[in-house]
Amino acid sequence: MDGTDGQLSSFSYYDVCMLRVFRQIYCMYSCYFLLIQVLNERTWTGVHGGRPSKSSIEAHESQANVPDPNNEKNIDAIRYWIKFADFYQMPHVTYFDSVGNLIDKLGKITSEELQQISQNMKKHNAAALTDLLEKWRKILTNIAKTSANAPH
């Protein structure tokens, strides 16, 4: 996203739960998005019921060849940007590329496999949290060292 209009990380609790175990490949998902706007939180305008065809600010000239991240009417723009969404970066996700493929996988996956996927995700999330907290500790410590209000 461009950091001004896009808000791809604002999911409802239900959305996050559903996306944790199964997700569609971006081609199929982007087609659904374009047709019925299944993820209206992809852009800030979408959150408020709109469907923009461009960002509210122009892209830098160096980015002229990159599709507009807030164009919700162009399948190529949606396909380009949706692959960067949080749920497409998460590990331990089972993929499916059609409704039939999803039904097939749901019929074959065991509760033990689902539990293992869930445990792997929990381990990843715990490690990611630890890493993130350490990065912020370092950032804030460095800021504090140069602050006029630094502890003596």
N, C-alpha and C. Protein backbone atom coordinates (compact mmCIF):
# COMPACT_ATOMS: atom_id res chain seq x y z
N MET A 1 0.84 -1.17 0.00
CA MET A 1 0.00 0.00 0.00
C MET A 1 0.89 1.23 0.00
N ASP A 2 0.28 2.39 -0.24
CA ASP A 2 1.11 3.58 -0.33
C ASP A 2 1.24 4.31 1.00
N GLY A 3 0.60 3.83 2.05
CA GLY A 3 0.74 4.43 3.35
C GLY A 3 -0.21 5.60 3.59
N THR A 4 -0.99 5.98 2.61
CA THR A 4 -1.90 7.09 2.80
C THR A 4 -3.34 6.63 2.84
N ASP A 5 -3.74 5.82 1.90
CA ASP A 5 -5.13 5.38 1.84
C ASP A 5 -5.30 3.93 2.25
N GLY A 6 -4.32 3.09 1.98
CA GLY A 6 -4.45 1.66 2.17
C GLY A 6 -4.43 1.24 3.61
N GLN A 7 -5.28 0.28 3.95
CA GLN A 7 -5.32 -0.25 5.30
C GLN A 7 -5.64 -1.72 5.21
N LEU A 8 -4.67 -2.49 4.71
CA LEU A 8 -4.90 -3.89 4.44
C LEU A 8 -4.85 -4.75 5.69
N SER A 9 -4.43 -4.21 6.80
CA SER A 9 -4.29 -5.01 8.01
C SER A 9 -5.48 -4.89 8.95
N SER A 10 -6.55 -4.26 8.56
CA SER A 10 -7.70 -4.11 9.45
C SER A 10 -8.73 -5.18 9.14
N PHE A 11 -8.57 -6.32 9.78
CA PHE A 11 -9.49 -7.44 9.57
C PHE A 11 -10.43 -7.57 10.76
N SER A 12 -11.62 -8.10 10.51
CA SER A 12 -12.47 -8.46 11.61
C SER A 12 -11.91 -9.74 12.23
N TYR A 13 -12.30 -10.04 13.43
CA TYR A 13 -11.83 -11.25 14.11
C TYR A 13 -12.17 -12.48 13.28
N TYR A 14 -13.36 -12.51 12.72
CA TYR A 14 -13.79 -13.65 11.89
C TYR A 14 -12.88 -13.80 10.68
N ASP A 15 -12.55 -12.69 10.01
CA ASP A 15 -11.67 -12.75 8.85
C ASP A 15 -10.32 -13.37 9.20
N VAL A 16 -9.75 -12.93 10.30
CA VAL A 16 -8.43 -13.43 10.71
C VAL A 16 -8.51 -14.93 11.01
N CYS A 17 -9.53 -15.34 11.72
CA CYS A 17 -9.67 -16.76 12.04
C CYS A 17 -9.80 -17.61 10.78
N MET A 18 -10.59 -17.15 9.85
CA MET A 18 -10.78 -17.91 8.62
C MET A 18 -9.50 -17.96 7.78
N LEU A 19 -8.73 -16.88 7.78
CA LEU A 19 -7.54 -16.81 6.95
C LEU A 19 -6.34 -17.51 7.57
N ARG A 20 -6.41 -17.85 8.84
CA ARG A 20 -5.27 -18.48 9.50
C ARG A 20 -4.98 -19.86 8.94
N VAL A 21 -5.97 -20.62 8.62
CA VAL A 21 -5.73 -22.00 8.18
C VAL A 21 -5.81 -22.15 6.66
N PHE A 22 -6.76 -21.52 6.04
CA PHE A 22 -6.93 -21.67 4.60
C PHE A 22 -6.94 -20.31 3.90
N ARG A 23 -6.35 -20.24 2.73
CA ARG A 23 -6.43 -19.02 1.93
C ARG A 23 -6.46 -19.40 0.45
N GLN A 24 -6.98 -18.54 -0.34
CA GLN A 24 -7.04 -18.77 -1.77
C GLN A 24 -5.80 -18.18 -2.42
N ILE A 25 -5.41 -18.72 -3.56
CA ILE A 25 -4.31 -18.09 -4.27
C ILE A 25 -4.78 -16.72 -4.74
N TYR A 26 -3.82 -15.80 -4.90
CA TYR A 26 -4.22 -14.41 -5.11
C TYR A 26 -5.01 -14.18 -6.38
N CYS A 27 -4.83 -14.99 -7.39
CA CYS A 27 -5.57 -14.80 -8.63
C CYS A 27 -7.06 -14.98 -8.39
N MET A 28 -7.43 -16.08 -7.75
CA MET A 28 -8.83 -16.34 -7.49
C MET A 28 -9.40 -15.30 -6.54
N TYR A 29 -8.66 -15.00 -5.50
CA TYR A 29 -9.13 -14.05 -4.50
C TYR A 29 -9.31 -12.66 -5.11
N SER A 30 -8.36 -12.26 -5.94
CA SER A 30 -8.47 -10.93 -6.54
C SER A 30 -9.68 -10.84 -7.47
N CYS A 31 -10.01 -11.93 -8.13
CA CYS A 31 -11.20 -11.94 -8.98
C CYS A 31 -12.46 -11.77 -8.13
N TYR A 32 -12.53 -12.47 -6.99
CA TYR A 32 -13.66 -12.31 -6.09
C TYR A 32 -13.73 -10.89 -5.57
N PHE A 33 -12.56 -10.35 -5.22
CA PHE A 33 -12.53 -8.99 -4.70
C PHE A 33 -13.11 -8.02 -5.71
N LEU A 34 -12.67 -8.15 -6.95
CA LEU A 34 -13.13 -7.24 -7.98
C LEU A 34 -14.64 -7.39 -8.22
N LEU A 35 -15.12 -8.62 -8.25
CA LEU A 35 -16.54 -8.84 -8.56
C LEU A 35 -17.47 -8.48 -7.43
N ILE A 36 -17.14 -8.91 -6.21
CA ILE A 36 -18.09 -8.69 -5.10
C ILE A 36 -17.46 -7.99 -3.90
N GLN A 37 -16.26 -7.51 -4.06
CA GLN A 37 -15.55 -6.74 -3.03
C GLN A 37 -15.59 -7.47 -1.68
N VAL A 38 -15.02 -8.69 -1.65
CA VAL A 38 -15.05 -9.50 -0.44
C VAL A 38 -14.16 -8.95 0.67
N LEU A 39 -13.23 -8.10 0.37
CA LEU A 39 -12.35 -7.52 1.39
C LEU A 39 -12.36 -6.01 1.24
N ASN A 40 -13.44 -5.39 1.70
CA ASN A 40 -13.55 -3.95 1.49
C ASN A 40 -12.55 -3.15 2.32
N GLU A 41 -11.86 -3.80 3.27
CA GLU A 41 -10.86 -3.11 4.07
C GLU A 41 -9.53 -2.94 3.33
N ARG A 42 -9.45 -3.35 2.08
CA ARG A 42 -8.21 -3.24 1.32
C ARG A 42 -7.77 -1.78 1.19
N THR A 43 -8.71 -0.86 1.12
CA THR A 43 -8.39 0.56 1.07
C THR A 43 -9.26 1.31 2.07
N TRP A 44 -8.80 2.48 2.47
CA TRP A 44 -9.55 3.29 3.43
C TRP A 44 -10.89 3.69 2.83
N THR A 45 -10.90 4.04 1.56
CA THR A 45 -12.16 4.39 0.89
C THR A 45 -13.12 3.22 0.90
N GLY A 46 -12.59 1.99 0.72
CA GLY A 46 -13.42 0.80 0.75
C GLY A 46 -14.07 0.58 2.10
N VAL A 47 -13.37 0.92 3.18
CA VAL A 47 -13.93 0.79 4.53
C VAL A 47 -15.22 1.60 4.64
N HIS A 48 -15.25 2.73 3.95
CA HIS A 48 -16.39 3.63 4.01
C HIS A 48 -17.37 3.44 2.86
N GLY A 49 -17.27 2.29 2.19
CA GLY A 49 -18.24 1.94 1.16
C GLY A 49 -17.92 2.39 -0.26
N GLY A 50 -16.80 3.06 -0.45
CA GLY A 50 -16.45 3.52 -1.79
C GLY A 50 -15.61 2.49 -2.53
N ARG A 51 -15.47 2.72 -3.82
CA ARG A 51 -14.62 1.87 -4.67
C ARG A 51 -13.81 2.78 -5.57
N PRO A 52 -12.66 3.24 -5.08
CA PRO A 52 -11.88 4.19 -5.87
C PRO A 52 -11.21 3.53 -7.07
N SER A 53 -10.90 4.35 -8.05
CA SER A 53 -10.15 3.87 -9.19
C SER A 53 -8.73 4.41 -9.17
N LYS A 54 -8.42 5.24 -8.14
CA LYS A 54 -7.06 5.75 -7.99
C LYS A 54 -6.86 6.30 -6.59
N SER A 55 -5.60 6.50 -6.23
CA SER A 55 -5.25 7.09 -4.94
C SER A 55 -5.60 8.56 -4.93
N SER A 56 -5.74 9.12 -3.74
CA SER A 56 -6.06 10.54 -3.62
C SER A 56 -4.85 11.42 -3.91
N ILE A 57 -3.66 10.84 -3.90
CA ILE A 57 -2.45 11.58 -4.29
C ILE A 57 -1.77 10.83 -5.43
N GLU A 58 -1.07 11.56 -6.25
CA GLU A 58 -0.38 10.95 -7.38
C GLU A 58 0.89 10.22 -6.92
N ALA A 59 1.24 9.17 -7.61
CA ALA A 59 2.47 8.43 -7.31
C ALA A 59 3.68 9.25 -7.72
N HIS A 60 4.79 8.99 -7.05
CA HIS A 60 6.05 9.62 -7.45
C HIS A 60 6.37 9.15 -8.87
N GLU A 61 7.02 9.99 -9.65
CA GLU A 61 7.33 9.65 -11.05
C GLU A 61 8.13 8.37 -11.18
N SER A 62 8.92 8.04 -10.16
CA SER A 62 9.71 6.80 -10.22
C SER A 62 8.84 5.55 -10.11
N GLN A 63 7.59 5.73 -9.71
CA GLN A 63 6.67 4.61 -9.53
C GLN A 63 5.59 4.56 -10.60
N ALA A 64 5.82 5.25 -11.68
CA ALA A 64 4.80 5.35 -12.74
C ALA A 64 4.42 3.98 -13.32
N ASN A 65 5.34 3.01 -13.28
CA ASN A 65 5.05 1.69 -13.86
C ASN A 65 4.40 0.73 -12.86
N VAL A 66 4.21 1.17 -11.62
CA VAL A 66 3.60 0.34 -10.58
C VAL A 66 2.10 0.64 -10.52
N PRO A 67 1.26 -0.39 -10.52
CA PRO A 67 -0.19 -0.14 -10.45
C PRO A 67 -0.58 0.63 -9.19
N ASP A 68 -1.59 1.45 -9.31
CA ASP A 68 -2.08 2.23 -8.17
C ASP A 68 -2.62 1.29 -7.10
N PRO A 69 -2.13 1.39 -5.86
CA PRO A 69 -2.56 0.47 -4.80
C PRO A 69 -4.01 0.67 -4.37
N ASN A 70 -4.60 1.78 -4.72
CA ASN A 70 -5.97 2.05 -4.32
C ASN A 70 -6.97 1.95 -5.46
N ASN A 71 -6.56 1.34 -6.55
CA ASN A 71 -7.47 1.14 -7.67
C ASN A 71 -8.22 -0.17 -7.44
N GLU A 72 -9.45 -0.06 -7.03
CA GLU A 72 -10.28 -1.23 -6.73
C GLU A 72 -11.13 -1.66 -7.92
N LYS A 73 -10.84 -1.09 -9.08
CA LYS A 73 -11.61 -1.42 -10.28
C LYS A 73 -10.75 -2.07 -11.35
N ASN A 74 -9.47 -2.27 -11.07
CA ASN A 74 -8.56 -2.83 -12.06
C ASN A 74 -7.96 -4.13 -11.53
N ILE A 75 -8.24 -5.25 -12.19
CA ILE A 75 -7.80 -6.56 -11.72
C ILE A 75 -6.28 -6.66 -11.63
N ASP A 76 -5.57 -6.03 -12.55
CA ASP A 76 -4.10 -6.09 -12.51
C ASP A 76 -3.55 -5.37 -11.29
N ALA A 77 -4.15 -4.23 -10.94
CA ALA A 77 -3.71 -3.51 -9.74
C ALA A 77 -4.01 -4.33 -8.49
N ILE A 78 -5.18 -4.93 -8.43
CA ILE A 78 -5.55 -5.74 -7.27
C ILE A 78 -4.60 -6.93 -7.14
N ARG A 79 -4.34 -7.62 -8.24
CA ARG A 79 -3.44 -8.78 -8.21
C ARG A 79 -2.02 -8.38 -7.81
N TYR A 80 -1.58 -7.23 -8.27
CA TYR A 80 -0.23 -6.78 -7.92
C TYR A 80 -0.11 -6.53 -6.42
N TRP A 81 -1.07 -5.82 -5.83
CA TRP A 81 -0.95 -5.40 -4.43
C TRP A 81 -1.43 -6.44 -3.42
N ILE A 82 -2.39 -7.27 -3.78
CA ILE A 82 -2.93 -8.22 -2.80
C ILE A 82 -1.88 -9.22 -2.34
N LYS A 83 -0.89 -9.51 -3.17
CA LYS A 83 0.15 -10.47 -2.78
C LYS A 83 1.02 -9.95 -1.64
N PHE A 84 0.96 -8.67 -1.34
CA PHE A 84 1.74 -8.10 -0.24
C PHE A 84 0.94 -8.04 1.06
N ALA A 85 -0.31 -8.45 1.03
CA ALA A 85 -1.15 -8.42 2.23
C ALA A 85 -0.59 -9.34 3.31
N ASP A 86 -0.86 -8.98 4.55
CA ASP A 86 -0.36 -9.76 5.69
C ASP A 86 -0.66 -11.25 5.55
N PHE A 87 -1.90 -11.58 5.19
CA PHE A 87 -2.29 -12.99 5.16
C PHE A 87 -1.63 -13.76 4.02
N TYR A 88 -0.99 -13.09 3.09
CA TYR A 88 -0.24 -13.78 2.05
C TYR A 88 1.23 -13.92 2.42
N GLN A 89 1.62 -13.37 3.54
CA GLN A 89 3.01 -13.45 4.00
C GLN A 89 3.17 -14.41 5.17
N MET A 90 2.08 -14.83 5.77
CA MET A 90 2.13 -15.69 6.95
C MET A 90 2.55 -17.11 6.60
N PRO A 91 3.41 -17.70 7.42
CA PRO A 91 3.81 -19.09 7.17
C PRO A 91 2.74 -20.08 7.69
N HIS A 92 2.89 -21.32 7.29
CA HIS A 92 2.06 -22.44 7.77
C HIS A 92 0.61 -22.35 7.33
N VAL A 93 0.37 -21.72 6.20
CA VAL A 93 -0.99 -21.58 5.69
C VAL A 93 -1.20 -22.62 4.60
N THR A 94 -2.35 -23.24 4.60
CA THR A 94 -2.70 -24.22 3.57
C THR A 94 -3.39 -23.48 2.43
N TYR A 95 -2.94 -23.70 1.22
CA TYR A 95 -3.46 -22.99 0.07
C TYR A 95 -4.50 -23.83 -0.67
N PHE A 96 -5.45 -23.15 -1.30
CA PHE A 96 -6.37 -23.80 -2.22
C PHE A 96 -6.63 -22.85 -3.37
N ASP A 97 -6.92 -23.41 -4.55
CA ASP A 97 -7.07 -22.56 -5.72
C ASP A 97 -8.45 -22.60 -6.36
N SER A 98 -9.38 -23.27 -5.71
CA SER A 98 -10.76 -23.27 -6.20
C SER A 98 -11.64 -23.79 -5.08
N VAL A 99 -12.94 -23.59 -5.22
CA VAL A 99 -13.86 -24.09 -4.21
C VAL A 99 -13.79 -25.61 -4.15
N GLY A 100 -13.70 -26.25 -5.31
CA GLY A 100 -13.60 -27.71 -5.34
C GLY A 100 -12.34 -28.21 -4.64
N ASN A 101 -11.23 -27.52 -4.86
CA ASN A 101 -9.98 -27.88 -4.22
C ASN A 101 -10.08 -27.69 -2.71
N LEU A 102 -10.75 -26.63 -2.26
CA LEU A 102 -10.96 -26.40 -0.83
C LEU A 102 -11.78 -27.53 -0.23
N ILE A 103 -12.87 -27.90 -0.88
CA ILE A 103 -13.72 -28.98 -0.37
C ILE A 103 -12.93 -30.27 -0.29
N ASP A 104 -12.12 -30.55 -1.30
CA ASP A 104 -11.28 -31.74 -1.30
C ASP A 104 -10.31 -31.72 -0.11
N LYS A 105 -9.65 -30.60 0.12
CA LYS A 105 -8.69 -30.50 1.23
C LYS A 105 -9.39 -30.61 2.58
N LEU A 106 -10.55 -29.98 2.70
CA LEU A 106 -11.29 -30.06 3.97
C LEU A 106 -11.72 -31.50 4.26
N GLY A 107 -12.01 -32.25 3.22
CA GLY A 107 -12.40 -33.64 3.40
C GLY A 107 -11.25 -34.56 3.78
N LYS A 108 -10.04 -34.14 3.48
CA LYS A 108 -8.87 -35.00 3.71
C LYS A 108 -8.03 -34.61 4.93
N ILE A 109 -8.08 -33.36 5.34
CA ILE A 109 -7.22 -32.92 6.43
C ILE A 109 -7.74 -33.47 7.76
N THR A 110 -6.83 -33.87 8.61
CA THR A 110 -7.22 -34.45 9.90
C THR A 110 -7.18 -33.38 10.99
N SER A 111 -7.86 -33.67 12.09
CA SER A 111 -7.82 -32.72 13.21
C SER A 111 -6.40 -32.60 13.76
N GLU A 112 -5.63 -33.68 13.69
CA GLU A 112 -4.23 -33.62 14.14
C GLU A 112 -3.41 -32.67 13.26
N GLU A 113 -3.65 -32.73 11.94
CA GLU A 113 -2.94 -31.82 11.03
C GLU A 113 -3.34 -30.36 11.30
N LEU A 114 -4.62 -30.13 11.56
CA LEU A 114 -5.07 -28.78 11.87
C LEU A 114 -4.45 -28.29 13.18
N GLN A 115 -4.36 -29.17 14.17
CA GLN A 115 -3.72 -28.81 15.43
C GLN A 115 -2.25 -28.47 15.22
N GLN A 116 -1.57 -29.24 14.37
CA GLN A 116 -0.15 -28.98 14.10
C GLN A 116 0.03 -27.65 13.40
N ILE A 117 -0.83 -27.36 12.43
CA ILE A 117 -0.78 -26.07 11.74
C ILE A 117 -0.97 -24.94 12.76
N SER A 118 -1.94 -25.10 13.62
CA SER A 118 -2.22 -24.09 14.63
C SER A 118 -1.02 -23.90 15.57
N GLN A 119 -0.42 -24.98 16.00
CA GLN A 119 0.76 -24.89 16.88
C GLN A 119 1.92 -24.20 16.18
N ASN A 120 2.15 -24.54 14.92
CA ASN A 120 3.22 -23.89 14.15
C ASN A 120 2.98 -22.39 14.02
N MET A 121 1.73 -22.01 13.80
CA MET A 121 1.39 -20.59 13.70
C MET A 121 1.62 -19.89 15.03
N LYS A 122 1.23 -20.53 16.13
CA LYS A 122 1.44 -19.94 17.46
C LYS A 122 2.92 -19.73 17.73
N LYS A 123 3.74 -20.71 17.38
CA LYS A 123 5.20 -20.58 17.58
C LYS A 123 5.75 -19.42 16.74
N HIS A 124 5.32 -19.35 15.50
CA HIS A 124 5.77 -18.25 14.64
C HIS A 124 5.36 -16.90 15.21
N ASN A 125 4.11 -16.78 15.64
CA ASN A 125 3.61 -15.51 16.19
C ASN A 125 4.37 -15.12 17.45
N ALA A 126 4.68 -16.08 18.30
CA ALA A 126 5.44 -15.78 19.53
C ALA A 126 6.84 -15.29 19.18
N ALA A 127 7.49 -15.94 18.24
CA ALA A 127 8.83 -15.53 17.82
C ALA A 127 8.80 -14.15 17.16
N ALA A 128 7.79 -13.90 16.34
CA ALA A 128 7.66 -12.60 15.68
C ALA A 128 7.43 -11.50 16.69
N LEU A 129 6.64 -11.76 17.72
CA LEU A 129 6.39 -10.78 18.77
C LEU A 129 7.67 -10.46 19.52
N THR A 130 8.42 -11.50 19.89
CA THR A 130 9.69 -11.30 20.60
C THR A 130 10.64 -10.45 19.76
N ASP A 131 10.74 -10.76 18.49
CA ASP A 131 11.61 -10.02 17.59
C ASP A 131 11.17 -8.56 17.47
N LEU A 132 9.89 -8.34 17.32
CA LEU A 132 9.36 -6.99 17.18
C LEU A 132 9.59 -6.17 18.45
N LEU A 133 9.36 -6.77 19.61
CA LEU A 133 9.58 -6.05 20.87
C LEU A 133 11.05 -5.67 21.04
N GLU A 134 11.95 -6.55 20.64
CA GLU A 134 13.38 -6.25 20.73
C GLU A 134 13.76 -5.10 19.79
N LYS A 135 13.22 -5.11 18.59
CA LYS A 135 13.50 -4.02 17.65
C LYS A 135 13.02 -2.69 18.21
N TRP A 136 11.82 -2.65 18.77
CA TRP A 136 11.30 -1.41 19.34
C TRP A 136 12.08 -0.99 20.59
N ARG A 137 12.53 -1.94 21.38
CA ARG A 137 13.34 -1.60 22.55
C ARG A 137 14.60 -0.88 22.11
N LYS A 138 15.26 -1.41 21.07
CA LYS A 138 16.48 -0.78 20.55
C LYS A 138 16.20 0.61 19.99
N ILE A 139 15.13 0.75 19.23
CA ILE A 139 14.77 2.04 18.65
C ILE A 139 14.53 3.07 19.74
N LEU A 140 13.71 2.72 20.72
CA LEU A 140 13.38 3.66 21.78
C LEU A 140 14.57 3.96 22.68
N THR A 141 15.43 2.99 22.90
CA THR A 141 16.65 3.22 23.68
C THR A 141 17.55 4.22 22.96
N ASN A 142 17.72 4.06 21.66
CA ASN A 142 18.54 5.00 20.89
C ASN A 142 17.95 6.40 20.90
N ILE A 143 16.63 6.52 20.82
CA ILE A 143 16.00 7.83 20.87
C ILE A 143 16.21 8.44 22.26
N ALA A 144 16.04 7.66 23.28
CA ALA A 144 16.20 8.16 24.66
C ALA A 144 17.61 8.67 24.91
N LYS A 145 18.61 8.02 24.32
CA LYS A 145 20.01 8.45 24.52
C LYS A 145 20.26 9.86 24.02
N THR A 146 19.57 10.26 22.98
CA THR A 146 19.81 11.58 22.39
C THR A 146 18.73 12.60 22.78
N SER A 147 17.78 12.20 23.57
CA SER A 147 16.70 13.08 23.97
C SER A 147 17.16 14.06 25.03
N ALA A 148 16.59 15.25 25.01
CA ALA A 148 16.88 16.24 26.04
C ALA A 148 16.39 15.76 27.39
N ASN A 149 15.45 14.84 27.38
CA ASN A 149 14.90 14.30 28.62
C ASN A 149 15.48 12.94 28.98
N ALA A 150 16.66 12.63 28.41
CA ALA A 150 17.28 11.32 28.66
C ALA A 150 17.58 11.16 30.15
N PRO A 151 17.38 9.95 30.66
CA PRO A 151 17.72 9.69 32.07
C PRO A 151 19.22 9.89 32.29
N HIS A 152 19.58 10.39 33.46
CA HIS A 152 21.00 10.65 33.78
C HIS A 152 21.63 9.46 34.44
